[in-house]
Amino acid sequence: MADMVELKGRVVMRKFAEGSKSEHDAVFLETDGNSYHLRRLGGNPFDDPTLKAMVGKTISARGLLNDELFIAHEINEG
């Protein structure tokens, strides 16, 4: 079950599922001590140009958190 939360952190790009057939570059949100695979609600899960443009930036986002996956409904820079 996913919970609606608000997170703040830095957007980074790194390998997801490294060493498997599913390995690909993915966008992550790094918060204090945690890292979450970041997706936008309605965005392409494998290639989201909007999220890629945020790499290196600090954001605050509100969305659904399920284990290590964060699906953002709303994203604000800063």
N, C-alpha and C. Protein backbone atom coordinates (compact mmCIF):
# COMPACT_ATOMS: atom_id res chain seq x y z
N MET A 1 0.84 -1.19 0.00
CA MET A 1 0.00 0.00 0.00
C MET A 1 0.88 1.24 0.00
N ALA A 2 0.63 2.16 -0.89
CA ALA A 2 1.40 3.40 -1.00
C ALA A 2 0.80 4.47 -0.10
N ASP A 3 1.67 5.31 0.43
CA ASP A 3 1.25 6.41 1.29
C ASP A 3 1.59 7.73 0.62
N MET A 4 0.69 8.72 0.69
CA MET A 4 0.94 10.06 0.15
C MET A 4 1.88 10.77 1.12
N VAL A 5 3.01 11.25 0.59
CA VAL A 5 4.01 11.91 1.41
C VAL A 5 4.59 13.11 0.66
N GLU A 6 5.33 13.94 1.37
CA GLU A 6 6.07 15.04 0.76
C GLU A 6 7.54 14.80 1.06
N LEU A 7 8.37 14.81 0.01
CA LEU A 7 9.80 14.57 0.14
C LEU A 7 10.57 15.74 -0.45
N LYS A 8 11.76 15.97 0.07
CA LYS A 8 12.66 16.98 -0.47
C LYS A 8 14.02 16.34 -0.63
N GLY A 9 14.67 16.60 -1.76
CA GLY A 9 15.98 16.04 -1.99
C GLY A 9 16.56 16.44 -3.32
N ARG A 10 17.65 15.78 -3.67
CA ARG A 10 18.38 16.07 -4.90
C ARG A 10 18.06 14.99 -5.93
N VAL A 11 17.83 15.41 -7.17
CA VAL A 11 17.53 14.50 -8.27
C VAL A 11 18.84 14.05 -8.91
N VAL A 12 19.02 12.74 -9.04
CA VAL A 12 20.23 12.17 -9.63
C VAL A 12 19.85 11.09 -10.66
N MET A 13 20.81 10.79 -11.54
CA MET A 13 20.62 9.72 -12.52
C MET A 13 21.65 8.64 -12.21
N ARG A 14 21.18 7.38 -12.18
CA ARG A 14 22.09 6.27 -11.97
C ARG A 14 21.45 4.99 -12.50
N LYS A 15 22.20 3.91 -12.47
CA LYS A 15 21.71 2.62 -12.97
C LYS A 15 20.63 2.06 -12.05
N PHE A 16 19.62 1.47 -12.67
CA PHE A 16 18.55 0.78 -11.95
C PHE A 16 18.64 -0.69 -12.34
N ALA A 17 18.48 -1.59 -11.39
CA ALA A 17 18.51 -3.04 -11.63
C ALA A 17 19.82 -3.45 -12.29
N GLU A 18 20.93 -2.89 -11.79
CA GLU A 18 22.24 -3.15 -12.37
C GLU A 18 22.55 -4.64 -12.41
N GLY A 19 23.05 -5.09 -13.56
CA GLY A 19 23.42 -6.49 -13.73
C GLY A 19 22.29 -7.39 -14.19
N SER A 20 21.08 -6.84 -14.34
CA SER A 20 19.94 -7.66 -14.78
C SER A 20 19.54 -7.26 -16.21
N LYS A 21 18.61 -8.01 -16.79
CA LYS A 21 18.08 -7.66 -18.11
C LYS A 21 17.34 -6.33 -18.08
N SER A 22 16.87 -5.94 -16.91
CA SER A 22 16.10 -4.70 -16.77
C SER A 22 16.98 -3.48 -16.51
N GLU A 23 18.31 -3.66 -16.53
CA GLU A 23 19.21 -2.55 -16.22
C GLU A 23 18.98 -1.38 -17.18
N HIS A 24 18.86 -0.18 -16.62
CA HIS A 24 18.75 1.04 -17.42
C HIS A 24 19.08 2.24 -16.53
N ASP A 25 19.38 3.37 -17.18
CA ASP A 25 19.60 4.60 -16.44
C ASP A 25 18.25 5.11 -15.97
N ALA A 26 18.17 5.48 -14.71
CA ALA A 26 16.90 5.93 -14.14
C ALA A 26 17.14 7.15 -13.25
N VAL A 27 16.08 7.87 -13.01
CA VAL A 27 16.12 9.07 -12.18
C VAL A 27 15.74 8.68 -10.75
N PHE A 28 16.52 9.18 -9.79
CA PHE A 28 16.28 8.89 -8.37
C PHE A 28 16.20 10.20 -7.60
N LEU A 29 15.50 10.17 -6.49
CA LEU A 29 15.45 11.28 -5.55
C LEU A 29 16.21 10.85 -4.31
N GLU A 30 17.29 11.57 -4.01
CA GLU A 30 18.09 11.28 -2.83
C GLU A 30 17.73 12.26 -1.73
N THR A 31 17.21 11.71 -0.64
CA THR A 31 16.85 12.52 0.53
C THR A 31 17.89 12.25 1.61
N ASP A 32 17.72 12.81 2.77
CA ASP A 32 18.65 12.56 3.87
C ASP A 32 18.65 11.08 4.23
N GLY A 33 19.63 10.35 3.71
CA GLY A 33 19.78 8.95 4.07
C GLY A 33 19.00 7.95 3.26
N ASN A 34 18.15 8.38 2.35
CA ASN A 34 17.35 7.46 1.54
C ASN A 34 17.44 7.82 0.06
N SER A 35 17.15 6.84 -0.78
CA SER A 35 17.13 7.05 -2.22
C SER A 35 15.90 6.36 -2.78
N TYR A 36 15.16 7.06 -3.62
CA TYR A 36 13.92 6.52 -4.18
C TYR A 36 13.93 6.64 -5.69
N HIS A 37 13.51 5.58 -6.37
CA HIS A 37 13.33 5.62 -7.82
C HIS A 37 12.19 6.62 -8.06
N LEU A 38 12.47 7.66 -8.83
CA LEU A 38 11.52 8.77 -9.01
C LEU A 38 10.82 8.65 -10.35
N ARG A 39 9.50 8.72 -10.29
CA ARG A 39 8.67 8.78 -11.50
C ARG A 39 7.62 9.86 -11.31
N ARG A 40 7.14 10.38 -12.43
CA ARG A 40 6.04 11.34 -12.40
C ARG A 40 4.75 10.62 -12.75
N LEU A 41 3.66 10.97 -12.07
CA LEU A 41 2.36 10.41 -12.40
C LEU A 41 2.06 10.75 -13.87
N GLY A 42 1.83 9.74 -14.68
CA GLY A 42 1.53 9.94 -16.09
C GLY A 42 2.76 10.05 -16.97
N GLY A 43 3.95 10.09 -16.37
CA GLY A 43 5.18 10.19 -17.15
C GLY A 43 5.66 8.82 -17.62
N ASN A 44 6.50 8.82 -18.64
CA ASN A 44 7.07 7.58 -19.15
C ASN A 44 8.01 7.00 -18.08
N PRO A 45 7.81 5.77 -17.65
CA PRO A 45 8.64 5.20 -16.58
C PRO A 45 10.09 4.95 -16.99
N PHE A 46 10.39 4.90 -18.29
CA PHE A 46 11.75 4.62 -18.74
C PHE A 46 12.47 5.84 -19.31
N ASP A 47 11.74 6.81 -19.82
CA ASP A 47 12.38 7.96 -20.44
C ASP A 47 11.48 9.19 -20.28
N ASP A 48 11.66 9.90 -19.19
CA ASP A 48 10.84 11.08 -18.89
C ASP A 48 11.73 12.33 -19.00
N PRO A 49 11.61 13.08 -20.12
CA PRO A 49 12.45 14.25 -20.32
C PRO A 49 12.29 15.32 -19.24
N THR A 50 11.11 15.42 -18.66
CA THR A 50 10.87 16.40 -17.60
C THR A 50 11.72 16.08 -16.38
N LEU A 51 11.77 14.80 -15.99
CA LEU A 51 12.58 14.41 -14.83
C LEU A 51 14.07 14.50 -15.16
N LYS A 52 14.46 14.12 -16.37
CA LYS A 52 15.87 14.21 -16.75
C LYS A 52 16.37 15.65 -16.68
N ALA A 53 15.52 16.61 -16.99
CA ALA A 53 15.89 18.03 -16.94
C ALA A 53 16.11 18.49 -15.50
N MET A 54 15.62 17.75 -14.52
CA MET A 54 15.76 18.12 -13.11
C MET A 54 17.00 17.51 -12.46
N VAL A 55 17.74 16.66 -13.18
CA VAL A 55 18.93 16.02 -12.62
C VAL A 55 19.91 17.10 -12.15
N GLY A 56 20.36 16.94 -10.91
CA GLY A 56 21.29 17.90 -10.30
C GLY A 56 20.60 18.98 -9.49
N LYS A 57 19.28 19.05 -9.57
CA LYS A 57 18.53 20.08 -8.85
C LYS A 57 17.94 19.53 -7.56
N THR A 58 17.66 20.43 -6.64
CA THR A 58 16.95 20.09 -5.41
C THR A 58 15.48 20.38 -5.63
N ILE A 59 14.63 19.42 -5.26
CA ILE A 59 13.19 19.57 -5.45
C ILE A 59 12.46 19.22 -4.16
N SER A 60 11.21 19.65 -4.09
CA SER A 60 10.27 19.13 -3.11
C SER A 60 9.12 18.56 -3.92
N ALA A 61 8.63 17.42 -3.50
CA ALA A 61 7.59 16.74 -4.28
C ALA A 61 6.59 16.07 -3.35
N ARG A 62 5.37 16.00 -3.83
CA ARG A 62 4.29 15.33 -3.10
C ARG A 62 3.80 14.19 -3.99
N GLY A 63 3.68 13.00 -3.39
CA GLY A 63 3.24 11.87 -4.18
C GLY A 63 3.10 10.61 -3.36
N LEU A 64 3.06 9.50 -4.07
CA LEU A 64 2.87 8.20 -3.44
C LEU A 64 4.20 7.50 -3.26
N LEU A 65 4.43 7.00 -2.06
CA LEU A 65 5.66 6.29 -1.74
C LEU A 65 5.32 4.84 -1.46
N ASN A 66 5.98 3.94 -2.21
CA ASN A 66 5.77 2.51 -2.04
C ASN A 66 7.15 1.85 -2.05
N ASP A 67 7.64 1.51 -0.88
CA ASP A 67 8.98 0.95 -0.71
C ASP A 67 10.03 1.91 -1.27
N GLU A 68 10.67 1.55 -2.39
CA GLU A 68 11.73 2.39 -2.96
C GLU A 68 11.27 3.16 -4.20
N LEU A 69 9.99 3.17 -4.48
CA LEU A 69 9.43 3.88 -5.63
C LEU A 69 8.62 5.07 -5.15
N PHE A 70 8.93 6.24 -5.71
CA PHE A 70 8.18 7.46 -5.38
C PHE A 70 7.57 7.98 -6.66
N ILE A 71 6.23 8.01 -6.74
CA ILE A 71 5.52 8.53 -7.89
C ILE A 71 5.00 9.91 -7.54
N ALA A 72 5.64 10.92 -8.13
CA ALA A 72 5.33 12.31 -7.80
C ALA A 72 4.08 12.79 -8.53
N HIS A 73 3.19 13.40 -7.78
CA HIS A 73 1.99 14.01 -8.34
C HIS A 73 2.25 15.49 -8.59
N GLU A 74 3.14 16.07 -7.79
CA GLU A 74 3.43 17.51 -7.83
C GLU A 74 4.91 17.69 -7.51
N ILE A 75 5.63 18.47 -8.34
CA ILE A 75 7.06 18.70 -8.14
C ILE A 75 7.34 20.19 -8.21
N ASN A 76 8.13 20.69 -7.23
CA ASN A 76 8.55 22.09 -7.22
C ASN A 76 10.05 22.15 -7.02
N GLU A 77 10.72 22.99 -7.79
CA GLU A 77 12.16 23.16 -7.63
C GLU A 77 12.44 24.00 -6.40
N GLY A 78 13.56 23.65 -5.74
CA GLY A 78 13.99 24.44 -4.58
C GLY A 78 13.58 23.89 -3.26
